[in-house]
């Protein structure tokens, strides 16, 4: 069974299969590692923390939350842009098209093919059942809650809802101070470390000016550790010999 089948039930009310004790232990281990790495990095949400958010949403069987965290994990989008996503923005062959970003501009944002496939499954199995009629302007993500006077209320998610979602999951994985901005910074740092191209980072996160992106070139503690790693053998020879 794929992660799509586990997290996106084919029938309304269908519960995801129970996870084995070993899988639960593995998730708990990931939470611990993520929290410790975030503390070591001085508050930056490392990719490990982002990955643990995804695993937590999968574990809880929450397809909407999983879709949101996958987008945040692999794009570094701002919370407002994620909340503004509509059905017309989804392009299975690319990712997200003409997304509204800061400054009233629009941007095409690529997604890894597995994430695009998951979004397509989310639309097909979840959104089509939750919305009476789908149009290009149908929001991808909705919030629902109960009100005593009117009963169940359902509205499109706003940026503040995604902020609260990150806070809720952050507490679950041992990082209660987690914010969407932390995930954005984590993606930018990871892309810079992997690609070594500041212009690529600028284009991905949607900065208008390259000097704004240069904040990600600051050296962090893990990079300092790697910078002096070549001294390890020399120090061993001095101390052991």
Protein backbone atom coordinates (compact mmCIF):
# COMPACT_ATOMS: atom_id res chain seq x y z
CA UNK A 1 0.00 0.00 0.00
CA UNK A 2 1.40 3.40 -0.99
CA UNK A 3 1.54 6.48 1.25
CA UNK A 4 -1.23 7.93 -0.92
CA UNK A 5 -3.51 5.04 -0.01
CA UNK A 6 -2.62 5.27 3.67
CA UNK A 7 -3.16 9.02 3.96
CA UNK A 8 -5.88 9.68 1.38
CA UNK A 9 -8.78 7.33 2.15
CA UNK A 10 -10.79 6.22 -0.86
CA UNK A 11 -14.07 6.42 1.07
CA UNK A 12 -15.19 9.13 3.45
CA UNK A 13 -14.78 8.03 7.02
CA UNK A 14 -12.28 5.33 6.13
CA UNK A 15 -9.49 5.20 8.71
CA UNK A 16 -5.85 4.61 7.73
CA UNK A 17 -4.41 1.23 8.64
CA UNK A 18 -2.91 1.00 12.12
CA UNK A 19 0.82 1.38 12.16
CA UNK A 20 2.98 -1.33 13.66
CA UNK A 21 4.76 -0.81 16.95
CA UNK A 22 8.09 -0.66 15.12
CA UNK A 23 6.88 2.15 12.87
CA UNK A 24 5.61 4.12 15.83
CA UNK A 25 8.98 3.70 17.53
CA UNK A 26 10.72 4.90 14.38
CA UNK A 27 8.54 8.01 14.23
CA UNK A 28 9.24 8.77 17.88
CA UNK A 29 12.95 8.46 17.16
CA UNK A 30 12.61 10.89 14.26
CA UNK A 31 10.84 13.39 16.52
CA UNK A 32 13.68 13.21 19.04
CA UNK A 33 16.37 13.60 16.40
CA UNK A 34 14.55 16.50 14.75
CA UNK A 35 14.17 18.37 18.03
CA UNK A 36 17.82 17.87 18.94
CA UNK A 37 19.08 18.98 15.53
CA UNK A 38 16.95 22.10 15.58
CA UNK A 39 18.38 23.03 18.97
CA UNK A 40 21.94 22.45 17.74
CA UNK A 41 21.34 24.60 14.68
CA UNK A 42 20.38 27.56 16.82
CA UNK A 43 16.68 27.62 15.94
CA UNK A 44 16.80 26.85 12.21
CA UNK A 45 14.35 24.15 11.14
CA UNK A 46 16.71 21.61 9.58
CA UNK A 47 15.43 19.40 6.74
CA UNK A 48 15.24 16.62 9.32
CA UNK A 49 12.59 18.64 11.18
CA UNK A 50 10.67 19.26 7.96
CA UNK A 51 10.73 15.56 7.14
CA UNK A 52 9.44 14.69 10.60
CA UNK A 53 6.46 17.00 10.06
CA UNK A 54 5.62 15.05 6.90
CA UNK A 55 5.95 11.74 8.75
CA UNK A 56 3.73 13.01 11.58
CA UNK A 57 0.97 13.99 9.13
CA UNK A 58 1.25 10.57 7.44
CA UNK A 59 1.12 8.85 10.83
CA UNK A 60 -2.04 10.75 11.81
CA UNK A 61 -3.72 10.05 8.47
CA UNK A 62 -4.34 13.74 7.68
CA UNK A 63 -4.20 14.15 3.86
CA UNK A 64 -4.76 17.92 3.93
CA UNK A 65 -1.98 18.48 6.46
CA UNK A 66 0.33 16.18 4.53
CA UNK A 67 -0.29 18.10 1.30
CA UNK A 68 0.47 21.42 3.03
CA UNK A 69 3.67 20.16 4.64
CA UNK A 70 4.88 18.60 1.39
CA UNK A 71 4.46 21.95 -0.36
CA UNK A 72 6.24 23.81 2.45
CA UNK A 73 8.97 21.17 2.58
CA UNK A 74 9.88 21.25 -1.10
CA UNK A 75 9.16 24.86 -2.10
CA UNK A 76 9.79 27.16 0.86
CA UNK A 77 6.59 29.05 0.00
CA UNK A 78 5.19 31.66 2.35
CA UNK A 79 2.14 30.63 4.35
CA UNK A 80 -0.05 33.21 2.62
CA UNK A 81 0.85 31.84 -0.80
CA UNK A 82 0.07 28.28 0.30
CA UNK A 83 -3.29 29.36 1.69
CA UNK A 84 -4.11 31.16 -1.58
CA UNK A 85 -3.67 28.04 -3.74
CA UNK A 86 -6.61 27.22 -6.00
CA UNK A 87 -7.31 24.31 -8.28
CA UNK A 88 -6.21 26.35 -11.30
CA UNK A 89 -2.70 26.60 -9.87
CA UNK A 90 -2.11 22.84 -9.99
CA UNK A 91 -0.17 21.65 -13.05
CA UNK A 92 0.64 17.91 -12.86
CA UNK A 93 3.52 18.28 -15.34
CA UNK A 94 5.21 21.15 -13.48
CA UNK A 95 3.89 21.70 -9.99
CA UNK A 96 2.21 25.03 -9.29
CA UNK A 97 1.55 27.75 -11.88
CA UNK A 98 0.92 31.48 -11.51
CA UNK A 99 0.94 31.38 -7.70
CA UNK A 100 0.33 34.71 -5.98
CA UNK A 101 3.45 35.71 -4.04
CA UNK A 102 4.65 38.70 -2.05
CA UNK A 103 4.30 42.07 -3.78
CA UNK A 104 1.25 41.06 -5.82
CA UNK A 105 3.37 39.14 -8.32
CA UNK A 106 2.85 35.60 -9.59
CA UNK A 107 5.37 32.79 -9.81
CA UNK A 108 5.62 29.31 -11.32
CA UNK A 109 6.87 26.95 -8.61
CA UNK A 110 8.17 23.45 -9.48
CA UNK A 111 7.34 20.41 -7.38
CA UNK A 112 9.00 16.98 -7.29
CA UNK A 113 6.89 14.55 -9.40
CA UNK A 114 5.88 12.44 -6.34
CA UNK A 115 4.49 15.56 -4.65
CA UNK A 116 2.57 16.52 -7.79
CA UNK A 117 1.15 12.99 -7.88
CA UNK A 118 0.10 13.25 -4.26
CA UNK A 119 -1.64 16.59 -4.89
CA UNK A 120 -3.53 15.02 -7.80
CA UNK A 121 -4.64 12.18 -5.53
CA UNK A 122 -5.62 14.68 -2.83
CA UNK A 123 -7.82 16.58 -5.29
CA UNK A 124 -9.37 13.38 -6.63
CA UNK A 125 -10.00 11.57 -3.34
CA UNK A 126 -10.49 14.37 -0.82
CA UNK A 127 -11.37 17.67 -2.45
CA UNK A 128 -13.96 16.20 -4.81
CA UNK A 129 -15.78 14.69 -1.82
CA UNK A 130 -15.56 17.74 0.41
CA UNK A 131 -16.71 20.26 -2.20
CA UNK A 132 -20.06 20.06 -3.92
CA UNK A 133 -18.62 21.36 -7.16
CA UNK A 134 -15.04 21.90 -8.28
CA UNK A 135 -14.10 24.95 -10.32
CA UNK A 136 -10.73 26.50 -11.20
CA UNK A 137 -11.24 28.88 -8.26
CA UNK A 138 -11.89 26.14 -5.69
CA UNK A 139 -9.42 26.53 -2.78
CA UNK A 140 -7.15 23.53 -2.22
CA UNK A 141 -7.17 23.74 1.57
CA UNK A 142 -10.11 24.21 3.93
CA UNK A 143 -10.60 24.58 7.69
CA UNK A 144 -13.66 23.42 9.59
CA UNK A 145 -14.74 23.93 13.18
CA UNK A 146 -17.84 23.85 15.31
CA UNK A 147 -19.79 26.90 16.50
CA UNK A 148 -22.53 26.54 19.08
CA UNK A 149 -24.92 28.93 17.35
CA UNK A 150 -24.57 27.75 13.74
CA UNK A 151 -23.05 24.27 13.99
CA UNK A 152 -20.23 23.18 11.69
CA UNK A 153 -18.41 25.99 9.86
CA UNK A 154 -16.16 25.40 6.88
CA UNK A 155 -14.03 28.06 5.20
CA UNK A 156 -10.93 28.25 2.97
CA UNK A 157 -7.72 28.26 4.98
CA UNK A 158 -5.93 31.55 5.59
CA UNK A 159 -2.27 32.16 6.35
CA UNK A 160 -2.98 32.29 10.08
CA UNK A 161 -4.48 28.77 9.90
CA UNK A 162 -1.25 27.41 8.41
CA UNK A 163 0.71 29.21 11.14
CA UNK A 164 -1.44 27.48 13.78
CA UNK A 165 -1.06 24.14 12.00
CA UNK A 166 2.73 24.42 12.16
CA UNK A 167 2.55 25.32 15.86
CA UNK A 168 0.33 22.31 16.57
CA UNK A 169 2.57 19.86 14.78
CA UNK A 170 5.68 21.53 16.18
CA UNK A 171 4.53 20.60 19.68
CA UNK A 172 4.01 17.01 18.55
CA UNK A 173 7.57 16.65 17.26
CA UNK A 174 9.22 18.43 20.17
CA UNK A 175 9.67 21.84 18.55
CA UNK A 176 6.84 24.03 19.97
CA UNK A 177 8.33 27.24 18.54
CA UNK A 178 8.04 26.02 14.94
CA UNK A 179 6.74 28.57 12.42
CA UNK A 180 6.21 28.42 8.64
CA UNK A 181 9.11 30.85 8.22
CA UNK A 182 11.42 28.26 9.82
CA UNK A 183 10.47 25.76 7.13
CA UNK A 184 11.11 28.37 4.45
CA UNK A 185 14.58 29.06 5.83
CA UNK A 186 15.29 25.33 6.08
CA UNK A 187 14.48 24.80 2.40
CA UNK A 188 16.61 27.77 1.33
CA UNK A 189 19.61 26.54 3.34
CA UNK A 190 19.27 23.02 1.98
CA UNK A 191 19.04 24.12 -1.66
CA UNK A 192 22.04 26.42 -1.22
CA UNK A 193 24.11 23.65 0.37
CA UNK A 194 23.17 21.17 -2.35
CA UNK A 195 23.31 23.46 -5.40
CA UNK A 196 25.75 26.22 -4.33
CA UNK A 197 23.85 28.70 -6.47
CA UNK A 198 22.43 31.76 -4.73
CA UNK A 199 20.45 32.79 -7.81
CA UNK A 200 18.61 29.45 -7.81
CA UNK A 201 17.68 29.97 -4.17
CA UNK A 202 16.51 33.52 -4.90
CA UNK A 203 14.27 32.29 -7.73
CA UNK A 204 12.83 29.44 -5.68
CA UNK A 205 11.90 31.45 -2.58
CA UNK A 206 10.77 34.44 -4.65
CA UNK A 207 13.08 37.17 -3.43
CA UNK A 208 13.04 40.29 -5.60
CA UNK A 209 16.64 41.18 -4.73
CA UNK A 210 19.67 38.90 -4.46
CA UNK A 211 20.96 40.74 -1.38
CA UNK A 212 17.89 39.50 0.52
CA UNK A 213 18.87 35.92 -0.34
CA UNK A 214 22.45 36.44 0.84
CA UNK A 215 21.33 35.96 4.44
CA UNK A 216 21.43 32.22 3.72
CA UNK A 217 25.16 32.36 3.03
CA UNK A 218 25.92 32.92 6.70
CA UNK A 219 27.93 30.11 8.22
CA UNK A 220 25.98 27.92 10.64
CA UNK A 221 27.38 25.66 13.41
CA UNK A 222 27.13 22.39 11.40
CA UNK A 223 29.05 24.02 8.54
CA UNK A 224 31.75 25.16 10.95
CA UNK A 225 32.06 21.59 12.23
CA UNK A 226 32.50 20.29 8.69
CA UNK A 227 35.01 23.05 7.95
CA UNK A 228 37.44 21.75 10.58
CA UNK A 229 36.65 18.05 10.13
CA UNK A 230 39.90 17.52 8.19
CA UNK A 231 41.79 18.21 11.43
CA UNK A 232 40.35 15.08 13.01
CA UNK A 233 43.09 12.65 11.98
CA UNK A 234 45.85 15.13 12.85
CA UNK A 235 44.45 15.62 16.33
CA UNK A 236 44.11 11.86 16.82
CA UNK A 237 47.76 11.31 15.90
CA UNK A 238 48.87 13.98 18.34
CA UNK A 239 46.81 12.63 21.21
CA UNK A 240 47.12 8.89 20.59
CA UNK A 241 50.70 8.84 19.42
